[in-house]
Protein backbone atom coordinates (compact mmCIF):
# COMPACT_ATOMS: atom_id res chain seq x y z
CA MET A 1 93.74 -188.22 0.15
CA ALA A 2 92.94 -190.54 3.21
CA ASP A 3 96.48 -192.68 2.77
CA GLU A 4 98.35 -189.48 2.29
CA ILE A 5 96.89 -188.34 5.86
CA LYS A 6 97.79 -191.96 7.63
CA VAL A 7 101.30 -191.60 6.33
CA HIS A 8 101.68 -188.75 9.05
CA ASP A 9 100.01 -190.16 11.84
CA ALA A 10 102.18 -193.41 12.12
CA GLU A 11 103.41 -192.57 15.66
CA ASN A 12 99.31 -192.39 16.89
CA ASP A 13 98.68 -195.88 15.29
CA GLY A 14 96.53 -193.70 12.89
CA GLN A 15 94.03 -192.64 15.38
CA GLU A 16 93.96 -189.06 14.58
CA SER A 17 93.96 -189.63 10.97
CA GLU A 18 91.18 -191.74 11.41
CA HIS A 19 89.48 -189.28 13.77
CA LEU A 20 90.14 -186.38 11.29
CA LEU A 21 88.92 -188.72 8.06
CA SER A 22 85.59 -189.32 10.45
CA LEU A 23 84.84 -185.88 10.58
CA PHE A 24 85.69 -185.02 6.59
CA ARG A 25 82.87 -184.77 4.47
CA LEU A 26 82.68 -183.54 0.75
CA ASP A 27 80.36 -180.54 0.38
CA LEU A 28 80.23 -180.55 -2.95
CA ARG A 29 79.38 -177.15 -4.76
CA SER A 30 80.12 -177.87 -8.76
CA ASP A 31 77.12 -175.92 -10.68
CA PRO A 32 79.68 -174.84 -13.66
CA ASP A 33 77.33 -172.11 -14.33
CA ILE A 34 77.63 -170.63 -11.25
CA LEU A 35 81.23 -171.28 -10.72
CA LYS A 36 82.68 -169.95 -14.15
CA ASP A 37 85.25 -167.40 -13.88
CA ALA A 38 84.36 -166.92 -10.17
CA ASP A 39 87.21 -165.66 -8.58
CA MET A 40 88.24 -166.11 -4.69
CA ASP A 41 86.19 -163.72 -3.58
CA ARG A 42 83.18 -164.41 -5.14
CA VAL A 43 83.65 -168.22 -4.26
CA ARG A 44 83.40 -167.20 -0.32
CA GLN A 45 80.36 -165.38 -1.08
CA LEU A 46 78.46 -168.05 -2.62
CA TYR A 47 80.07 -169.87 0.41
CA ARG A 48 78.17 -167.22 2.74
CA GLU A 49 75.03 -166.87 0.73
CA ALA A 50 74.27 -170.92 0.68
CA VAL A 51 73.93 -171.09 -2.48
CA GLY A 52 73.14 -174.42 -3.60
CA GLY A 53 72.36 -175.23 0.20
CA ALA A 54 73.78 -174.58 3.63
CA PRO A 55 77.21 -175.50 3.63
CA MET A 56 78.39 -177.75 6.74
CA HIS A 57 79.01 -175.82 9.62
CA ALA A 58 78.06 -172.09 8.09
CA GLU A 59 76.43 -171.59 11.62
CA GLU A 60 79.89 -171.22 13.59
CA GLN A 61 81.32 -167.92 13.55
CA THR A 62 84.71 -167.95 14.27
CA CYS A 63 88.17 -167.52 12.60
CA PHE A 64 88.39 -171.12 11.65
CA ARG A 65 85.89 -170.93 9.00
CA LEU A 66 87.54 -172.54 6.51
CA PHE A 67 86.53 -174.39 3.36
CA LEU A 68 88.97 -176.76 0.93
CA LEU A 69 88.49 -175.61 -2.78
CA ALA A 70 89.09 -177.93 -5.66
CA ASP A 71 89.07 -175.63 -8.53
CA GLU A 72 90.22 -175.82 -12.42
CA GLU A 73 94.09 -175.25 -11.44
CA VAL A 74 93.81 -177.95 -8.37
CA LEU A 75 92.49 -180.21 -11.07
CA ALA A 76 94.48 -179.57 -13.44
CA GLY A 77 97.40 -180.52 -11.21
CA VAL A 78 95.63 -184.01 -10.17
CA ALA A 79 96.38 -184.97 -13.68
CA GLY A 80 99.97 -184.37 -13.54
CA SER A 81 99.54 -186.19 -10.29
CA GLU A 82 100.25 -183.06 -7.77
CA PHE A 83 97.82 -183.46 -5.02
CA GLN A 84 97.32 -180.17 -3.81
CA ILE A 85 94.03 -178.58 -2.36
CA LYS A 86 93.32 -174.49 -2.08
CA CYS A 87 92.18 -173.85 1.71
CA VAL A 88 90.12 -170.54 2.39
CA GLN A 89 89.46 -168.42 4.89
CA VAL A 90 85.39 -167.67 4.74
CA ASP A 91 85.29 -164.56 6.52
CA TYR A 92 88.59 -163.36 4.96
CA GLU A 93 88.50 -159.29 3.85
CA ALA A 94 91.07 -157.49 2.33
CA ALA A 95 91.17 -154.60 4.19
CA ASP A 96 92.18 -156.06 7.28
CA TYR A 97 95.52 -157.37 5.79
CA VAL A 98 96.94 -154.72 4.17
CA PRO A 99 99.86 -153.55 5.78
CA LYS A 100 99.99 -150.40 7.68
CA ASN A 101 104.08 -150.29 7.16
CA THR A 102 104.72 -150.75 3.24
CA ARG A 103 108.29 -150.57 3.68
CA MET A 104 108.71 -154.17 4.74
CA GLY A 105 106.30 -155.11 1.19
CA GLY A 106 102.93 -155.11 0.52
CA GLN A 107 100.14 -157.34 1.04
CA ARG A 108 101.58 -160.73 1.59
CA TYR A 109 97.73 -162.83 2.80
CA PHE A 110 94.91 -162.92 0.74
CA GLY A 111 92.70 -165.42 2.47
CA TRP A 112 93.61 -169.01 1.26
CA MET A 113 96.64 -170.65 0.62
CA LYS A 114 97.64 -174.09 -1.68
CA MET A 115 98.34 -177.17 0.58
CA THR A 116 99.20 -180.67 -0.22
CA THR A 117 96.60 -182.85 0.19
CA ARG A 118 98.93 -185.12 2.81
CA SER A 119 99.06 -182.45 5.13
CA LEU A 120 95.50 -181.92 6.09
CA LEU A 121 96.67 -183.58 9.56
CA GLU A 122 98.89 -180.88 10.38
CA LEU A 123 96.93 -178.24 9.15
CA TRP A 124 94.37 -179.91 11.69
CA HIS A 125 96.62 -179.44 14.58
CA LEU A 126 97.86 -175.83 13.78
CA LEU A 127 94.16 -175.01 13.59
CA GLN A 128 93.95 -175.74 17.47
CA VAL A 129 96.44 -172.82 18.10
CA GLN A 130 96.65 -170.70 15.30
CA GLU A 131 94.52 -168.77 12.92
CA LEU A 132 95.29 -169.44 8.72
CA GLN A 133 96.87 -166.40 8.10
CA THR A 134 99.88 -167.07 10.48
CA ILE A 135 100.00 -170.47 8.94
CA ALA A 136 99.61 -169.80 4.90
CA PRO A 137 103.25 -168.99 3.30
CA PRO A 138 103.50 -165.28 2.22
CA THR A 139 102.94 -164.12 -1.13
CA ILE A 140 104.48 -162.36 -3.75
CA GLY A 141 102.87 -160.05 -5.45
CA GLY A 142 99.78 -161.58 -4.71
CA MET A 143 100.89 -164.95 -6.38
CA HIS A 144 101.42 -167.80 -4.52
CA SER A 145 104.59 -169.27 -5.09
CA THR A 146 104.96 -171.99 -2.62
CA VAL A 147 102.63 -175.11 -2.10
CA TRP A 148 102.55 -175.96 2.00
CA ASN A 149 103.69 -179.04 3.04
CA GLY A 150 102.94 -178.97 6.72
CA TYR A 151 105.20 -178.43 9.45
């Protein structure tokens, strides 16, 4: 992952990627008994309830409370050389994203997106001025048909 992030920071002599990597910490929550068959709402709940210990930065109450998730789908992709991860909005509430006018279609954002690991630096930049729901590609029928690759 570090090499993929550094590729996108060549114009800054790697300074931004080094800064991002210095802030990056793995906060593993991998209890198979707790996470077995957990949907995205359940994973968010486990995060908010600090199951397994308080998550990093959990006390921050902003719209940018996000975590990265490597679930069975992500791990299966790694075996096939796909380096993707899921970025999840902690405080997502589905009712907040139901469109009032459904002529343009149904709900298009479900509080998370699939992304390439090499696009973490781009996400870092965008989150300074945008919220995840404006960055995430729209879904079709609740299914993520595209993977966010950055700009």
